[in-house]
C-alpha atoms as a PDB file:
ATOM      1  CA  MET A   1      15.409 -44.015  52.477  1.00  0.00           C
ATOM      2  CA  THR A   2      16.846 -40.505  52.268  1.00  0.00           C
ATOM      3  CA  TYR A   3      14.394 -37.607  52.694  1.00  0.00           C
ATOM      4  CA  GLU A   4      15.127 -34.049  51.455  1.00  0.00           C
ATOM      5  CA  PRO A   5      15.063 -31.329  54.012  1.00  0.00           C
ATOM      6  CA  VAL A   6      12.110 -29.045  54.284  1.00  0.00           C
ATOM      7  CA  VAL A   7      12.684 -25.177  54.762  1.00  0.00           C
ATOM      8  CA  THR A   8       9.654 -23.392  53.493  1.00  0.00           C
ATOM      9  CA  TYR A   9       5.837 -24.051  54.050  1.00  0.00           C
ATOM     10  CA  GLU A  10       5.394 -24.664  50.185  1.00  0.00           C
ATOM     11  CA  GLU A  11       7.958 -27.323  50.595  1.00  0.00           C
ATOM     12  CA  ALA A  12       6.091 -28.859  53.673  1.00  0.00           C
ATOM     13  CA  VAL A  13       2.786 -28.894  51.546  1.00  0.00           C
ATOM     14  CA  GLN A  14       4.650 -30.817  48.822  1.00  0.00           C
ATOM     15  CA  ARG A  15       6.193 -33.230  51.295  1.00  0.00           C
ATOM     16  CA  ILE A  16       2.878 -34.137  53.086  1.00  0.00           C
ATOM     17  CA  GLN A  17       1.099 -34.424  49.566  1.00  0.00           C
ATOM     18  CA  SER A  18       3.994 -36.755  48.418  1.00  0.00           C
ATOM     19  CA  ILE A  19       4.340 -39.073  51.616  1.00  0.00           C
ATOM     20  CA  GLY A  20       0.868 -38.896  53.077  1.00  0.00           C
ATOM     21  CA  LEU A  21       1.818 -39.231  56.654  1.00  0.00           C
ATOM     22  CA  LEU A  22       4.059 -36.848  58.617  1.00  0.00           C
ATOM     23  CA  PRO A  23       4.477 -36.994  62.423  1.00  0.00           C
ATOM     24  CA  LEU A  24       5.413 -33.637  64.108  1.00  0.00           C
ATOM     25  CA  ALA A  25       8.165 -35.480  66.083  1.00  0.00           C
ATOM     26  CA  PRO A  26       9.881 -38.735  65.447  1.00  0.00           C
ATOM     27  CA  LEU A  27       7.191 -41.426  65.775  1.00  0.00           C
ATOM     28  CA  PHE A  28       7.962 -44.331  63.279  1.00  0.00           C
ATOM     29  CA  ALA A  29      11.273 -46.208  62.880  1.00  0.00           C
ATOM     30  CA  GLU A  30      13.303 -45.086  59.849  1.00  0.00           C
ATOM     31  CA  TYR A  31      10.637 -42.487  59.005  1.00  0.00           C
ATOM     32  CA  PRO A  32      10.884 -38.743  58.847  1.00  0.00           C
ATOM     33  CA  SER A  33       9.042 -36.248  61.040  1.00  0.00           C
ATOM     34  CA  LEU A  34       8.327 -32.429  60.452  1.00  0.00           C
ATOM     35  CA  SER A  35      10.932 -31.961  63.270  1.00  0.00           C
ATOM     36  CA  SER A  36      13.634 -34.145  61.648  1.00  0.00           C
ATOM     37  CA  LEU A  37      13.104 -32.610  58.289  1.00  0.00           C
ATOM     38  CA  THR A  38      13.332 -28.856  59.215  1.00  0.00           C
ATOM     39  CA  PRO A  39      16.063 -26.683  60.760  1.00  0.00           C
ATOM     40  CA  LYS A  40      15.865 -26.598  64.597  1.00  0.00           C
ATOM     41  CA  GLU A  41      16.607 -23.039  64.690  1.00  0.00           C
ATOM     42  CA  HIS A  42      13.341 -22.198  62.716  1.00  0.00           C
ATOM     43  CA  TRP A  43      11.144 -23.487  65.393  1.00  0.00           C
ATOM     44  CA  HIS A  44       9.016 -21.357  67.522  1.00  0.00           C
ATOM     45  CA  LYS A  45      10.143 -18.134  65.875  1.00  0.00           C
ATOM     46  CA  ASP A  46       6.633 -17.057  65.019  1.00  0.00           C
ATOM     47  CA  ASP A  47       7.402 -16.408  61.476  1.00  0.00           C
ATOM     48  CA  GLU A  48       6.783 -17.829  58.074  1.00  0.00           C
ATOM     49  CA  LEU A  49       9.552 -20.360  58.436  1.00  0.00           C
ATOM     50  CA  ASP A  50       8.345 -21.629  61.775  1.00  0.00           C
ATOM     51  CA  PRO A  51       7.204 -25.365  61.203  1.00  0.00           C
ATOM     52  CA  TRP A  52       5.274 -25.071  64.526  1.00  0.00           C
ATOM     53  CA  LEU A  53       2.980 -22.644  62.822  1.00  0.00           C
ATOM     54  CA  TRP A  54       2.674 -24.715  59.553  1.00  0.00           C
ATOM     55  CA  ARG A  55       0.639 -27.407  61.366  1.00  0.00           C
ATOM     56  CA  SER A  56      -2.367 -25.229  61.808  1.00  0.00           C
ATOM     57  CA  SER A  57      -2.098 -23.909  58.325  1.00  0.00           C
ATOM     58  CA  LEU A  58      -2.062 -27.363  56.884  1.00  0.00           C
ATOM     59  CA  ALA A  59      -5.245 -28.192  58.596  1.00  0.00           C
ATOM     60  CA  GLU A  60      -7.064 -24.876  58.167  1.00  0.00           C
ATOM     61  CA  GLU A  61      -6.426 -25.100  54.440  1.00  0.00           C
ATOM     62  CA  GLY A  62      -7.574 -28.715  54.040  1.00  0.00           C
ATOM     63  CA  ILE A  63      -4.231 -29.926  53.032  1.00  0.00           C
ATOM     64  CA  ALA A  64      -3.794 -32.499  55.830  1.00  0.00           C
ATOM     65  CA  ALA A  65      -5.781 -33.626  58.789  1.00  0.00           C
ATOM     66  CA  TYR A  66      -3.984 -32.950  62.021  1.00  0.00           C
ATOM     67  CA  GLY A  67      -4.428 -34.749  65.451  1.00  0.00           C
ATOM     68  CA  LYS A  68      -3.084 -37.123  67.875  1.00  0.00           C
ATOM     69  CA  PHE A  69      -4.329 -40.225  65.845  1.00  0.00           C
ATOM     70  CA  VAL A  70      -1.758 -42.825  66.817  1.00  0.00           C
ATOM     71  CA  LYS A  71       0.288 -43.454  70.131  1.00  0.00           C
ATOM     72  CA  LYS A  72      -1.194 -40.087  71.447  1.00  0.00           C
ATOM     73  CA  LYS A  73       1.211 -38.272  69.144  1.00  0.00           C
ATOM     74  CA  ALA A  74       0.581 -35.511  66.681  1.00  0.00           C
ATOM     75  CA  LEU A  75       0.336 -36.774  63.016  1.00  0.00           C
ATOM     76  CA  LEU A  76      -0.465 -34.932  59.913  1.00  0.00           C
ATOM     77  CA  VAL A  77      -2.223 -37.096  57.356  1.00  0.00           C
ATOM     78  CA  SER A  78      -2.708 -35.700  53.787  1.00  0.00           C
ATOM     79  CA  ARG A  79      -6.188 -35.259  52.366  1.00  0.00           C
ATOM     80  CA  GLU A  80      -5.767 -38.188  50.050  1.00  0.00           C
ATOM     81  CA  TYR A  81      -4.540 -40.525  52.933  1.00  0.00           C
ATOM     82  CA  PHE A  82      -6.951 -39.430  55.613  1.00  0.00           C
ATOM     83  CA  PRO A  83     -10.084 -41.187  54.283  1.00  0.00           C
ATOM     84  CA  TRP A  84      -8.242 -44.603  54.406  1.00  0.00           C
ATOM     85  CA  VAL A  85      -6.758 -43.838  57.883  1.00  0.00           C
ATOM     86  CA  HIS A  86     -10.181 -42.588  59.116  1.00  0.00           C
ATOM     87  CA  ARG A  87     -11.719 -45.753  58.000  1.00  0.00           C
ATOM     88  CA  LEU A  88      -9.032 -47.802  59.772  1.00  0.00           C
ATOM     89  CA  LEU A  89      -9.412 -45.978  63.093  1.00  0.00           C
ATOM     90  CA  ALA A  90     -12.985 -44.991  63.313  1.00  0.00           C
ATOM     91  CA  ASP A  91     -15.877 -47.090  64.861  1.00  0.00           C
ATOM     92  CA  SER A  92     -18.849 -47.582  62.471  1.00  0.00           C
ATOM     93  CA  ARG A  93     -21.067 -47.114  65.633  1.00  0.00           C
ATOM     94  CA  SER A  94     -22.110 -43.645  66.737  1.00  0.00           C
ATOM     95  CA  ILE A  95     -20.281 -41.942  69.600  1.00  0.00           C
ATOM     96  CA  GLU A  96     -23.310 -42.582  71.835  1.00  0.00           C
ATOM     97  CA  GLU A  97     -23.341 -46.216  70.990  1.00  0.00           C
ATOM     98  CA  GLN A  98     -19.663 -46.456  71.607  1.00  0.00           C
ATOM     99  CA  TYR A  99     -20.053 -44.899  74.998  1.00  0.00           C
ATOM    100  CA  GLU A 100     -22.933 -47.304  75.833  1.00  0.00           C
ATOM    101  CA  ALA A 101     -20.735 -50.183  74.788  1.00  0.00           C
ATOM    102  CA  GLY A 102     -18.056 -49.060  77.169  1.00  0.00           C
ATOM    103  CA  LEU A 103     -15.541 -48.134  74.301  1.00  0.00           C
ATOM    104  CA  LEU A 104     -15.659 -44.507  74.959  1.00  0.00           C
ATOM    105  CA  SER A 105     -15.487 -42.487  78.334  1.00  0.00           C
ATOM    106  CA  ARG A 106     -18.144 -40.412  79.545  1.00  0.00           C
ATOM    107  CA  GLU A 107     -15.840 -37.227  79.146  1.00  0.00           C
ATOM    108  CA  ALA A 108     -15.163 -38.245  75.496  1.00  0.00           C
ATOM    109  CA  SER A 109     -18.810 -38.583  74.857  1.00  0.00           C
ATOM    110  CA  LYS A 110     -19.473 -35.124  76.355  1.00  0.00           C
ATOM    111  CA  LEU A 111     -16.769 -33.406  74.685  1.00  0.00           C
ATOM    112  CA  TYR A 112     -17.823 -34.795  71.304  1.00  0.00           C
ATOM    113  CA  SER A 113     -21.379 -33.520  71.601  1.00  0.00           C
ATOM    114  CA  LEU A 114     -19.998 -29.923  72.262  1.00  0.00           C
ATOM    115  CA  ILE A 115     -17.740 -30.083  69.451  1.00  0.00           C
ATOM    116  CA  GLU A 116     -20.528 -31.445  67.175  1.00  0.00           C
ATOM    117  CA  GLU A 117     -22.774 -28.603  68.105  1.00  0.00           C
ATOM    118  CA  GLN A 118     -20.099 -26.017  67.822  1.00  0.00           C
ATOM    119  CA  GLU A 119     -17.724 -27.087  64.939  1.00  0.00           C
ATOM    120  CA  GLY A 120     -14.256 -25.451  65.084  1.00  0.00           C
ATOM    121  CA  ILE A 121     -14.628 -24.606  68.859  1.00  0.00           C
ATOM    122  CA  ASP A 122     -11.719 -23.076  70.725  1.00  0.00           C
ATOM    123  CA  GLY A 123     -10.117 -25.464  73.145  1.00  0.00           C
ATOM    124  CA  ARG A 124     -10.535 -22.933  76.131  1.00  0.00           C
ATOM    125  CA  ALA A 125     -14.183 -22.490  75.520  1.00  0.00           C
ATOM    126  CA  LEU A 126     -14.592 -26.346  75.131  1.00  0.00           C
ATOM    127  CA  ARG A 127     -12.892 -27.099  78.505  1.00  0.00           C
ATOM    128  CA  SER A 128     -14.907 -24.412  80.250  1.00  0.00           C
ATOM    129  CA  GLN A 129     -18.354 -25.533  78.725  1.00  0.00           C
ATOM    130  CA  ALA A 130     -17.554 -29.099  79.496  1.00  0.00           C
ATOM    131  CA  GLY A 131     -17.136 -28.231  83.168  1.00  0.00           C
ATOM    132  CA  TYR A 132     -13.345 -29.093  83.142  1.00  0.00           C
ATOM    133  CA  GLY A 133     -12.056 -25.697  83.858  1.00  0.00           C
ATOM    134  CA  ALA A 134     -10.387 -26.584  87.165  1.00  0.00           C
ATOM    135  CA  LYS A 135      -6.772 -27.340  87.205  1.00  0.00           C
ATOM    136  CA  GLU A 136      -7.397 -30.702  88.653  1.00  0.00           C
ATOM    137  CA  ASP A 137      -9.712 -31.466  85.792  1.00  0.00           C
ATOM    138  CA  LYS A 138      -7.182 -30.975  83.014  1.00  0.00           C
ATOM    139  CA  LYS A 139      -6.160 -34.527  82.749  1.00  0.00           C
ATOM    140  CA  THR A 140      -9.605 -35.512  82.488  1.00  0.00           C
ATOM    141  CA  PHE A 141     -10.224 -33.032  79.690  1.00  0.00           C
ATOM    142  CA  ASP A 142      -6.963 -34.062  77.942  1.00  0.00           C
ATOM    143  CA  ARG A 143      -7.860 -37.859  78.079  1.00  0.00           C
ATOM    144  CA  GLY A 144     -11.288 -37.199  76.549  1.00  0.00           C
ATOM    145  CA  LEU A 145      -9.729 -35.331  73.584  1.00  0.00           C
ATOM    146  CA  LEU A 146      -7.141 -38.095  73.276  1.00  0.00           C
ATOM    147  CA  ASP A 147      -9.794 -40.828  73.052  1.00  0.00           C
ATOM    148  CA  LEU A 148     -11.628 -38.920  70.439  1.00  0.00           C
ATOM    149  CA  GLN A 149      -8.591 -38.270  68.269  1.00  0.00           C
ATOM    150  CA  GLY A 150      -7.441 -41.942  68.780  1.00  0.00           C
ATOM    151  CA  CYS A 151     -10.583 -43.158  66.903  1.00  0.00           C
ATOM    152  CA  ALA A 152     -10.465 -40.343  64.432  1.00  0.00           C
ATOM    153  CA  ALA A 153     -13.754 -38.942  65.722  1.00  0.00           C
ATOM    154  CA  ILE A 154     -12.256 -35.397  65.828  1.00  0.00           C
ATOM    155  CA  VAL A 155      -9.363 -33.323  64.509  1.00  0.00           C
ATOM    156  CA  ILE A 156      -7.542 -30.487  65.329  1.00  0.00           C
ATOM    157  CA  SER A 157      -8.780 -28.042  62.694  1.00  0.00           C
ATOM    158  CA  GLY A 158      -6.519 -25.023  63.387  1.00  0.00           C
ATOM    159  CA  THR A 159      -5.783 -22.574  66.172  1.00  0.00           C
ATOM    160  CA  LYS A 160      -7.590 -19.578  67.669  1.00  0.00           C
ATOM    161  CA  GLU A 161      -6.406 -16.365  69.431  1.00  0.00           C
ATOM    162  CA  LYS A 162      -7.551 -15.799  72.865  1.00  0.00           C
ATOM    163  CA  GLU A 163     -10.069 -12.989  72.735  1.00  0.00           C
ATOM    164  CA  GLY A 164     -10.701 -10.265  75.248  1.00  0.00           C
ATOM    165  CA  LEU A 165      -7.291  -9.762  76.295  1.00  0.00           C
ATOM    166  CA  ALA A 166      -6.134  -6.345  77.781  1.00  0.00           C
ATOM    167  CA  GLU A 167      -3.821  -4.365  75.522  1.00  0.00           C
ATOM    168  CA  GLY A 168      -0.243  -5.507  75.885  1.00  0.00           C
ATOM    169  CA  LYS A 169      -1.306  -8.888  77.255  1.00  0.00           C
ATOM    170  CA  VAL A 170      -0.485 -12.090  75.387  1.00  0.00           C
ATOM    171  CA  ALA A 171      -1.487 -15.682  75.442  1.00  0.00           C
ATOM    172  CA  TRP A 172      -0.752 -18.853  73.693  1.00  0.00           C
ATOM    173  CA  ASN A 173      -3.120 -19.532  70.796  1.00  0.00           C
ATOM    174  CA  SER A 174      -5.631 -22.460  71.642  1.00  0.00           C
ATOM    175  CA  SER A 175      -6.247 -25.452  69.539  1.00  0.00           C
ATOM    176  CA  ALA A 176      -9.715 -25.598  67.601  1.00  0.00           C
ATOM    177  CA  TYR A 177     -11.484 -28.900  67.231  1.00  0.00           C
ATOM    178  CA  GLU A 178     -13.790 -30.115  64.790  1.00  0.00           C
ATOM    179  CA  THR A 179     -15.497 -33.431  64.167  1.00  0.00           C
ATOM    180  CA  ALA A 180     -13.564 -35.407  61.417  1.00  0.00           C
ATOM    181  CA  GLY A 181     -16.730 -35.647  59.246  1.00  0.00           C
ATOM    182  CA  GLN A 182     -17.405 -32.070  59.273  1.00  0.00           C
ATOM    183  CA  TRP A 183     -13.734 -31.213  58.406  1.00  0.00           C
ATOM    184  CA  MET A 184     -13.645 -33.529  55.523  1.00  0.00           C
ATOM    185  CA  LYS A 185     -16.955 -32.112  54.212  1.00  0.00           C
ATOM    186  CA  ARG A 186     -15.928 -28.545  54.701  1.00  0.00           C
ATOM    187  CA  HIS A 187     -12.694 -29.183  52.425  1.00  0.00           C
ATOM    188  CA  GLY A 188     -14.491 -31.390  49.888  1.00  0.00           C
ATOM    189  CA  ILE A 189     -13.120 -34.787  50.875  1.00  0.00           C
ATOM    190  CA  GLU A 190     -15.141 -37.581  50.313  1.00  0.00           C
ATOM    191  CA  PRO A 191     -15.318 -40.418  53.018  1.00  0.00           C
ATOM    192  CA  PHE A 192     -14.012 -43.849  51.887  1.00  0.00           C
ATOM    193  CA  GLU A 193     -16.978 -45.927  51.488  1.00  0.00           C
ATOM    194  CA  GLY A 194     -14.965 -49.299  50.888  1.00  0.00           C
ATOM    195  CA  SER A 195     -14.245 -51.989  53.615  1.00  0.00           C
ATOM    196  CA  VAL A 196     -11.628 -51.682  56.250  1.00  0.00           C
ATOM    197  CA  ALA A 197      -9.511 -54.210  54.205  1.00  0.00           C
ATOM    198  CA  GLU A 198      -9.673 -52.093  51.000  1.00  0.00           C
ATOM    199  CA  ALA A 199      -8.639 -48.963  52.998  1.00  0.00           C
ATOM    200  CA  ARG A 200      -5.638 -51.002  54.403  1.00  0.00           C
ATOM    201  CA  GLU A 201      -4.584 -52.285  50.997  1.00  0.00           C
ATOM    202  CA  LEU A 202      -4.720 -48.823  49.484  1.00  0.00           C
ATOM    203  CA  LEU A 203      -2.766 -47.290  52.248  1.00  0.00           C
ATOM    204  CA  VAL A 204      -0.134 -49.897  52.321  1.00  0.00           C
ATOM    205  CA  THR A 205       0.391 -49.706  48.593  1.00  0.00           C
ATOM    206  CA  GLN A 206       0.784 -46.022  48.750  1.00  0.00           C
ATOM    207  CA  LEU A 207       3.056 -46.201  51.824  1.00  0.00           C
ATOM    208  CA  GLN A 208       5.374 -48.782  50.243  1.00  0.00           C
ATOM    209  CA  GLN A 209       6.351 -46.156  47.715  1.00  0.00           C
ATOM    210  CA  HIS A 210       8.021 -43.928  50.536  1.00  0.00           C
ATOM    211  CA  ALA A 211       8.840 -46.019  53.579  1.00  0.00           C
ATOM    212  CA  SER A 212      11.286 -48.727  54.189  1.00  0.00           C
ATOM    213  CA  PRO A 213      10.217 -52.202  55.314  1.00  0.00           C
ATOM    214  CA  VAL A 214      11.133 -51.269  58.783  1.00  0.00           C
ATOM    215  CA  ALA A 215       9.194 -47.898  58.711  1.00  0.00           C
ATOM    216  CA  LEU A 216       6.198 -49.738  56.968  1.00  0.00           C
ATOM    217  CA  SER A 217       6.141 -52.326  59.710  1.00  0.00           C
ATOM    218  CA  SER A 218       6.227 -49.493  62.411  1.00  0.00           C
ATOM    219  CA  ILE A 219       3.413 -47.434  60.744  1.00  0.00           C
ATOM    220  CA  ALA A 220       1.487 -50.619  60.279  1.00  0.00           C
ATOM    221  CA  LYS A 221       1.652 -51.602  63.899  1.00  0.00           C
ATOM    222  CA  ALA A 222       0.500 -48.032  65.047  1.00  0.00           C
ATOM    223  CA  LEU A 223      -2.541 -48.121  62.875  1.00  0.00           C
ATOM    224  CA  GLY A 224      -3.277 -51.762  63.639  1.00  0.00           C
ATOM    225  CA  ILE A 225      -2.690 -53.287  60.362  1.00  0.00           C
ATOM    226  CA  PRO A 226      -1.723 -56.960  60.772  1.00  0.00           C
ATOM    227  CA  GLY A 227       0.784 -58.939  58.753  1.00  0.00           C
ATOM    228  CA  ILE A 228       3.228 -56.373  57.871  1.00  0.00           C
END
């Protein structure tokens, strides 16, 4: 399939609304990514044509859920598709029950509790409050966040600027984290109440309109959808 290039934020909004799933970098076979659709020279320019900034705006405006939902890679999922993807990836048990069953790590459970208490918490503050501020604890912190995104328990809801910097000092913006349920509620997105099989069928039906058989098979494998 041929995919038209994307230059402006408005075009990115239209594209994600159209195809439903859009990885930041190449992830699925024969399927586009934000990086493959946009001019390389526009990235990391910190202006309105910078696709790196769009990911946060898409999440902040409720146009798409953003997170490392599959293969530990960043993925944008449209507000239409996300309830189906969430139904496929999420566990029906609570985070505490998943931890007690050995399905989630202690650090993931700890981080989720802090995010749930402070929806939209800045990543720096989260790391500090969780007690993972030391350099050697960064991998543990990152692993906990990946575990939570992989089961769609949390999303990256935007970015926050570092506060308290001295004049003239700069620092990278930090990701903000929010529980998936709160992000959907805040943007008026209803959770999918049907079965996993029904969510799977609806998702595949939509994807077939925009993905080649090879691409569809690659996406299905990543999302744990059998028989495609």
